[in-house]
N, C-alpha and C. Protein backbone atom coordinates (compact mmCIF):
# COMPACT_ATOMS: atom_id res chain seq x y z
N MET A 1 10.62 17.48 -24.77
CA MET A 1 10.30 17.62 -23.37
C MET A 1 11.45 18.33 -22.67
N ASN A 2 11.14 19.31 -21.89
CA ASN A 2 12.15 20.10 -21.21
C ASN A 2 12.47 19.46 -19.87
N ASP A 3 13.72 19.05 -19.68
CA ASP A 3 14.15 18.48 -18.41
C ASP A 3 14.80 19.59 -17.61
N TYR A 4 14.14 20.01 -16.55
CA TYR A 4 14.62 21.14 -15.79
C TYR A 4 15.83 20.75 -14.97
N SER A 5 16.79 21.66 -14.89
CA SER A 5 18.00 21.39 -14.12
C SER A 5 17.76 21.75 -12.66
N CYS A 6 18.69 21.31 -11.81
CA CYS A 6 18.59 21.61 -10.39
C CYS A 6 18.84 23.09 -10.11
N ASP A 7 19.53 23.78 -11.03
CA ASP A 7 19.83 25.19 -10.83
C ASP A 7 18.57 26.05 -10.87
N SER A 8 17.55 25.61 -11.60
CA SER A 8 16.34 26.41 -11.72
C SER A 8 15.43 26.27 -10.52
N GLY A 9 15.69 25.34 -9.60
CA GLY A 9 14.87 25.19 -8.41
C GLY A 9 13.61 24.38 -8.64
N VAL A 10 13.53 23.66 -9.78
CA VAL A 10 12.35 22.86 -10.09
C VAL A 10 12.76 21.39 -10.13
N LYS A 11 11.97 20.56 -9.45
CA LYS A 11 12.29 19.14 -9.38
C LYS A 11 11.15 18.34 -10.02
N ARG A 12 11.51 17.36 -10.83
CA ARG A 12 10.54 16.50 -11.50
C ARG A 12 10.17 15.34 -10.58
N ILE A 13 8.87 15.08 -10.45
CA ILE A 13 8.37 13.98 -9.63
C ILE A 13 7.48 13.11 -10.50
N ASP A 14 7.80 11.84 -10.61
CA ASP A 14 7.00 10.88 -11.37
C ASP A 14 6.06 10.16 -10.41
N LEU A 15 4.77 10.27 -10.66
CA LEU A 15 3.76 9.60 -9.84
C LEU A 15 3.13 8.48 -10.64
N GLN A 16 2.75 7.42 -9.97
CA GLN A 16 2.07 6.31 -10.63
C GLN A 16 0.66 6.18 -10.09
N ARG A 17 -0.17 5.47 -10.84
CA ARG A 17 -1.55 5.22 -10.40
C ARG A 17 -1.56 3.98 -9.52
N THR A 18 -2.17 4.09 -8.36
CA THR A 18 -2.33 2.95 -7.46
C THR A 18 -3.82 2.69 -7.29
N ARG A 19 -4.20 1.45 -7.47
CA ARG A 19 -5.62 1.08 -7.40
C ARG A 19 -5.96 0.63 -5.98
N PHE A 20 -7.06 1.16 -5.47
CA PHE A 20 -7.59 0.76 -4.18
C PHE A 20 -8.99 0.20 -4.41
N THR A 21 -9.26 -0.95 -3.83
CA THR A 21 -10.55 -1.61 -3.98
C THR A 21 -11.05 -2.04 -2.61
N THR A 22 -12.32 -1.84 -2.37
CA THR A 22 -12.94 -2.33 -1.15
C THR A 22 -14.34 -2.82 -1.46
N THR A 23 -14.80 -3.77 -0.68
CA THR A 23 -16.15 -4.29 -0.82
C THR A 23 -16.93 -3.97 0.44
N VAL A 24 -18.08 -3.36 0.26
CA VAL A 24 -18.95 -2.98 1.37
C VAL A 24 -20.25 -3.74 1.22
N CYS A 25 -20.60 -4.51 2.24
CA CYS A 25 -21.87 -5.23 2.24
C CYS A 25 -22.86 -4.50 3.14
N VAL A 26 -24.04 -4.25 2.61
CA VAL A 26 -25.07 -3.55 3.35
C VAL A 26 -25.99 -4.58 3.97
N ASN A 27 -26.24 -4.44 5.27
CA ASN A 27 -27.05 -5.46 5.94
C ASN A 27 -28.55 -5.22 5.75
N ASN A 28 -29.33 -6.17 6.17
CA ASN A 28 -30.78 -6.15 5.98
C ASN A 28 -31.43 -5.00 6.73
N PHE A 29 -30.91 -4.63 7.87
CA PHE A 29 -31.51 -3.56 8.66
C PHE A 29 -31.48 -2.22 7.91
N GLU A 30 -30.40 -1.95 7.19
CA GLU A 30 -30.28 -0.70 6.45
C GLU A 30 -31.16 -0.66 5.21
N LEU A 31 -31.53 -1.82 4.68
CA LEU A 31 -32.33 -1.89 3.45
C LEU A 31 -33.81 -2.15 3.69
N LYS A 32 -34.25 -2.29 4.93
CA LYS A 32 -35.64 -2.67 5.17
C LYS A 32 -36.62 -1.56 4.82
N HIS A 33 -36.17 -0.33 4.76
CA HIS A 33 -37.06 0.79 4.43
C HIS A 33 -37.23 0.99 2.93
N ILE A 34 -36.43 0.31 2.10
CA ILE A 34 -36.54 0.44 0.65
C ILE A 34 -37.60 -0.54 0.17
N LYS A 35 -38.63 -0.01 -0.46
CA LYS A 35 -39.72 -0.86 -0.94
C LYS A 35 -39.37 -1.44 -2.31
N GLY A 36 -39.86 -2.61 -2.60
CA GLY A 36 -39.68 -3.23 -3.90
C GLY A 36 -38.48 -4.16 -3.98
N LEU A 37 -37.79 -4.41 -2.89
CA LEU A 37 -36.66 -5.34 -2.92
C LEU A 37 -37.10 -6.71 -2.41
N ASP A 38 -36.68 -7.74 -3.11
CA ASP A 38 -36.93 -9.10 -2.64
C ASP A 38 -36.11 -9.37 -1.39
N GLU A 39 -36.53 -10.41 -0.67
CA GLU A 39 -35.79 -10.82 0.53
C GLU A 39 -34.38 -11.32 0.17
N ILE A 40 -34.26 -11.97 -0.98
CA ILE A 40 -32.95 -12.47 -1.42
C ILE A 40 -32.00 -11.31 -1.69
N VAL A 41 -32.50 -10.25 -2.31
CA VAL A 41 -31.67 -9.10 -2.63
C VAL A 41 -31.26 -8.37 -1.35
N ARG A 42 -32.17 -8.29 -0.39
CA ARG A 42 -31.87 -7.60 0.86
C ARG A 42 -30.74 -8.27 1.64
N ASN A 43 -30.67 -9.56 1.59
CA ASN A 43 -29.66 -10.27 2.36
C ASN A 43 -28.30 -10.32 1.69
N LYS A 44 -28.21 -9.98 0.40
CA LYS A 44 -26.96 -10.15 -0.33
C LYS A 44 -26.56 -8.91 -1.11
N THR A 45 -26.76 -7.73 -0.59
CA THR A 45 -26.41 -6.52 -1.30
C THR A 45 -25.00 -6.08 -0.90
N CYS A 46 -24.10 -6.08 -1.88
CA CYS A 46 -22.71 -5.66 -1.66
C CYS A 46 -22.31 -4.70 -2.78
N TYR A 47 -21.48 -3.76 -2.44
CA TYR A 47 -20.95 -2.81 -3.41
C TYR A 47 -19.44 -2.94 -3.44
N GLU A 48 -18.88 -2.90 -4.64
CA GLU A 48 -17.43 -2.89 -4.79
C GLU A 48 -17.01 -1.51 -5.26
N LEU A 49 -16.16 -0.87 -4.49
CA LEU A 49 -15.73 0.49 -4.78
C LEU A 49 -14.28 0.47 -5.27
N ASP A 50 -14.03 1.07 -6.43
CA ASP A 50 -12.69 1.18 -7.00
C ASP A 50 -12.30 2.64 -7.11
N CYS A 51 -11.04 2.92 -6.86
CA CYS A 51 -10.53 4.27 -7.12
C CYS A 51 -9.04 4.18 -7.42
N TYR A 52 -8.56 5.16 -8.13
CA TYR A 52 -7.14 5.27 -8.44
C TYR A 52 -6.61 6.54 -7.78
N ILE A 53 -5.47 6.41 -7.12
CA ILE A 53 -4.86 7.53 -6.41
C ILE A 53 -3.42 7.67 -6.90
N ALA A 54 -2.98 8.90 -7.10
CA ALA A 54 -1.59 9.14 -7.47
C ALA A 54 -0.70 8.82 -6.28
N SER A 55 0.40 8.10 -6.55
CA SER A 55 1.28 7.69 -5.46
C SER A 55 2.73 7.69 -5.92
N LYS A 56 3.63 7.67 -4.95
CA LYS A 56 5.06 7.64 -5.22
C LYS A 56 5.73 6.81 -4.14
N VAL A 57 6.60 5.88 -4.54
CA VAL A 57 7.35 5.09 -3.58
C VAL A 57 8.43 5.98 -2.97
N VAL A 58 8.38 6.14 -1.66
CA VAL A 58 9.31 7.01 -0.97
C VAL A 58 10.57 6.25 -0.59
N GLU A 59 10.38 5.04 -0.03
CA GLU A 59 11.54 4.28 0.42
C GLU A 59 11.21 2.79 0.41
N ASN A 60 12.18 1.99 0.02
CA ASN A 60 12.08 0.54 0.13
C ASN A 60 12.96 0.11 1.29
N TYR A 61 12.39 -0.69 2.19
CA TYR A 61 13.11 -1.09 3.38
C TYR A 61 13.02 -2.60 3.52
N ALA A 62 14.14 -3.26 3.76
CA ALA A 62 14.17 -4.71 3.94
C ALA A 62 14.93 -5.02 5.23
N PHE A 63 14.43 -6.01 5.97
CA PHE A 63 15.11 -6.42 7.19
C PHE A 63 14.94 -7.92 7.39
N ASN A 64 15.84 -8.49 8.17
CA ASN A 64 15.79 -9.92 8.49
C ASN A 64 15.04 -10.12 9.80
N ALA A 65 14.19 -11.13 9.83
CA ALA A 65 13.44 -11.48 11.04
C ALA A 65 13.52 -12.99 11.20
N PRO A 66 13.49 -13.49 12.44
CA PRO A 66 13.49 -14.94 12.64
C PRO A 66 12.27 -15.59 11.98
N MET A 67 12.46 -16.83 11.51
CA MET A 67 11.43 -17.52 10.75
C MET A 67 10.14 -17.74 11.55
N ASP A 68 10.25 -18.07 12.83
CA ASP A 68 9.08 -18.29 13.68
C ASP A 68 9.46 -17.99 15.13
N TRP A 69 8.57 -18.28 16.07
CA TRP A 69 8.81 -17.95 17.46
C TRP A 69 9.98 -18.75 18.04
N TRP A 70 10.16 -19.99 17.61
CA TRP A 70 11.25 -20.80 18.13
C TRP A 70 12.61 -20.25 17.70
N GLU A 71 12.70 -19.76 16.47
CA GLU A 71 13.94 -19.16 16.01
C GLU A 71 14.24 -17.87 16.78
N ALA A 72 13.20 -17.13 17.16
CA ALA A 72 13.40 -15.91 17.95
C ALA A 72 13.89 -16.25 19.36
N VAL A 73 13.38 -17.33 19.95
CA VAL A 73 13.85 -17.76 21.27
C VAL A 73 15.31 -18.20 21.18
N LYS A 74 15.66 -18.94 20.13
CA LYS A 74 17.06 -19.35 19.95
C LYS A 74 17.97 -18.14 19.81
N GLU A 75 17.51 -17.14 19.08
CA GLU A 75 18.32 -15.94 18.85
C GLU A 75 18.63 -15.21 20.16
N ARG A 76 17.65 -15.16 21.05
CA ARG A 76 17.83 -14.40 22.29
C ARG A 76 18.50 -15.18 23.40
N PHE A 77 18.20 -16.49 23.52
CA PHE A 77 18.59 -17.20 24.73
C PHE A 77 19.53 -18.39 24.52
N ALA A 78 19.73 -18.85 23.31
CA ALA A 78 20.52 -20.06 23.10
C ALA A 78 22.02 -19.77 23.23
N PRO A 79 22.78 -20.72 23.81
CA PRO A 79 24.24 -20.54 23.88
C PRO A 79 24.88 -20.71 22.49
N LYS A 80 26.11 -20.26 22.37
CA LYS A 80 26.78 -20.27 21.07
C LYS A 80 26.99 -21.68 20.53
N TRP A 81 27.29 -22.64 21.38
CA TRP A 81 27.51 -24.00 20.91
C TRP A 81 26.23 -24.57 20.29
N PHE A 82 25.08 -24.18 20.88
CA PHE A 82 23.79 -24.64 20.35
C PHE A 82 23.53 -24.01 18.98
N LEU A 83 23.89 -22.72 18.83
CA LEU A 83 23.66 -22.02 17.56
C LEU A 83 24.58 -22.52 16.45
N THR A 84 25.77 -23.00 16.80
CA THR A 84 26.64 -23.56 15.76
C THR A 84 26.07 -24.88 15.24
N ARG A 85 25.43 -25.63 16.13
CA ARG A 85 24.83 -26.89 15.70
C ARG A 85 23.48 -26.69 15.02
N TYR A 86 22.67 -25.76 15.55
CA TYR A 86 21.34 -25.45 15.00
C TYR A 86 21.27 -23.95 14.71
N PRO A 87 21.72 -23.52 13.54
CA PRO A 87 21.72 -22.07 13.25
C PRO A 87 20.29 -21.52 13.13
N ILE A 88 20.22 -20.22 13.33
CA ILE A 88 18.93 -19.52 13.27
C ILE A 88 18.55 -19.32 11.82
N ARG A 89 17.30 -19.64 11.50
CA ARG A 89 16.78 -19.42 10.14
C ARG A 89 16.04 -18.07 10.12
N TYR A 90 16.33 -17.30 9.10
CA TYR A 90 15.73 -15.97 8.96
C TYR A 90 14.88 -15.90 7.70
N ARG A 91 13.95 -14.96 7.70
CA ARG A 91 13.17 -14.61 6.52
C ARG A 91 13.39 -13.12 6.27
N VAL A 92 13.27 -12.71 5.03
CA VAL A 92 13.46 -11.30 4.66
C VAL A 92 12.09 -10.65 4.53
N GLU A 93 11.86 -9.62 5.29
CA GLU A 93 10.62 -8.84 5.22
C GLU A 93 10.90 -7.56 4.45
N LYS A 94 10.01 -7.20 3.53
CA LYS A 94 10.18 -5.98 2.73
C LYS A 94 9.00 -5.05 2.97
N ILE A 95 9.31 -3.79 3.19
CA ILE A 95 8.29 -2.77 3.40
C ILE A 95 8.53 -1.65 2.39
N ASP A 96 7.47 -1.25 1.69
CA ASP A 96 7.53 -0.13 0.77
C ASP A 96 6.74 1.03 1.37
N ALA A 97 7.43 2.13 1.65
CA ALA A 97 6.76 3.34 2.12
C ALA A 97 6.28 4.11 0.90
N VAL A 98 4.99 4.39 0.84
CA VAL A 98 4.38 5.03 -0.32
C VAL A 98 3.69 6.32 0.12
N ALA A 99 3.95 7.39 -0.61
CA ALA A 99 3.25 8.66 -0.39
C ALA A 99 2.04 8.70 -1.31
N LEU A 100 0.87 9.02 -0.76
CA LEU A 100 -0.37 9.09 -1.54
C LEU A 100 -0.78 10.54 -1.73
N TYR A 101 -1.27 10.84 -2.92
CA TYR A 101 -1.74 12.18 -3.27
C TYR A 101 -3.19 12.10 -3.75
N PRO A 102 -4.16 12.00 -2.85
CA PRO A 102 -5.55 11.82 -3.28
C PRO A 102 -6.18 13.06 -3.88
N SER A 103 -5.61 14.24 -3.67
CA SER A 103 -6.22 15.46 -4.20
C SER A 103 -5.82 15.75 -5.65
N ILE A 104 -4.87 15.00 -6.21
CA ILE A 104 -4.47 15.21 -7.59
C ILE A 104 -5.40 14.42 -8.50
N PRO A 105 -6.12 15.09 -9.40
CA PRO A 105 -7.04 14.36 -10.30
C PRO A 105 -6.28 13.54 -11.33
N LEU A 106 -6.77 12.34 -11.61
CA LEU A 106 -6.17 11.44 -12.60
C LEU A 106 -7.17 11.14 -13.70
N LYS A 107 -6.66 11.05 -14.91
CA LYS A 107 -7.49 10.59 -16.02
C LYS A 107 -7.41 9.07 -16.08
N ASN A 108 -8.42 8.43 -16.61
CA ASN A 108 -8.45 6.97 -16.65
C ASN A 108 -7.38 6.37 -17.55
N SER A 109 -6.92 7.11 -18.55
CA SER A 109 -5.97 6.55 -19.51
C SER A 109 -4.51 6.74 -19.10
N GLU A 110 -4.24 7.50 -18.06
CA GLU A 110 -2.86 7.79 -17.68
C GLU A 110 -2.30 6.72 -16.76
N PRO A 111 -1.26 5.98 -17.17
CA PRO A 111 -0.65 5.01 -16.25
C PRO A 111 0.25 5.68 -15.22
N TYR A 112 0.75 6.88 -15.54
CA TYR A 112 1.58 7.63 -14.61
C TYR A 112 1.35 9.11 -14.85
N LEU A 113 1.86 9.92 -13.96
CA LEU A 113 1.67 11.37 -14.02
C LEU A 113 2.98 12.03 -13.64
N VAL A 114 3.35 13.07 -14.37
CA VAL A 114 4.58 13.81 -14.08
C VAL A 114 4.17 15.18 -13.56
N ILE A 115 4.72 15.53 -12.40
CA ILE A 115 4.48 16.86 -11.85
C ILE A 115 5.84 17.50 -11.55
N TYR A 116 5.84 18.80 -11.47
CA TYR A 116 7.06 19.54 -11.16
C TYR A 116 6.86 20.32 -9.88
N GLU A 117 7.86 20.24 -9.00
CA GLU A 117 7.78 20.90 -7.71
C GLU A 117 8.86 21.98 -7.64
N SER A 118 8.48 23.14 -7.15
CA SER A 118 9.43 24.24 -7.03
C SER A 118 10.07 24.22 -5.65
N ASN A 119 11.39 24.40 -5.61
CA ASN A 119 12.10 24.44 -4.34
C ASN A 119 12.39 25.86 -3.88
N ASN A 120 11.90 26.85 -4.61
CA ASN A 120 12.14 28.25 -4.27
C ASN A 120 11.33 28.61 -3.03
N GLU A 121 11.94 29.42 -2.20
CA GLU A 121 11.26 29.84 -0.98
C GLU A 121 10.64 31.19 -1.13
């Protein structure tokens, strides 16, 4: 496998497959014109849609936030002597920024995809 250097103006990008799933339930009004369906089938028709999209994690971001509303009030308004006796409890929130590439076709057997991007102008 040829690993291109930065001097050639080509950058390697590793993409992974990300699965998206949604469930859509069709109501009775939309199915009333279809003949041959039982009443039970008409009331319980749902479709589950799956797709895989190429994606890349752009940035991982973590920050501290107060545990609940009372901790946020203590953080903003409590005097220092109160905070030394009752310290503020925090939780760590993590956010992953992901770039999606829905126009890149994926094969079902590929767990990841390698593409090369040119930096030449």
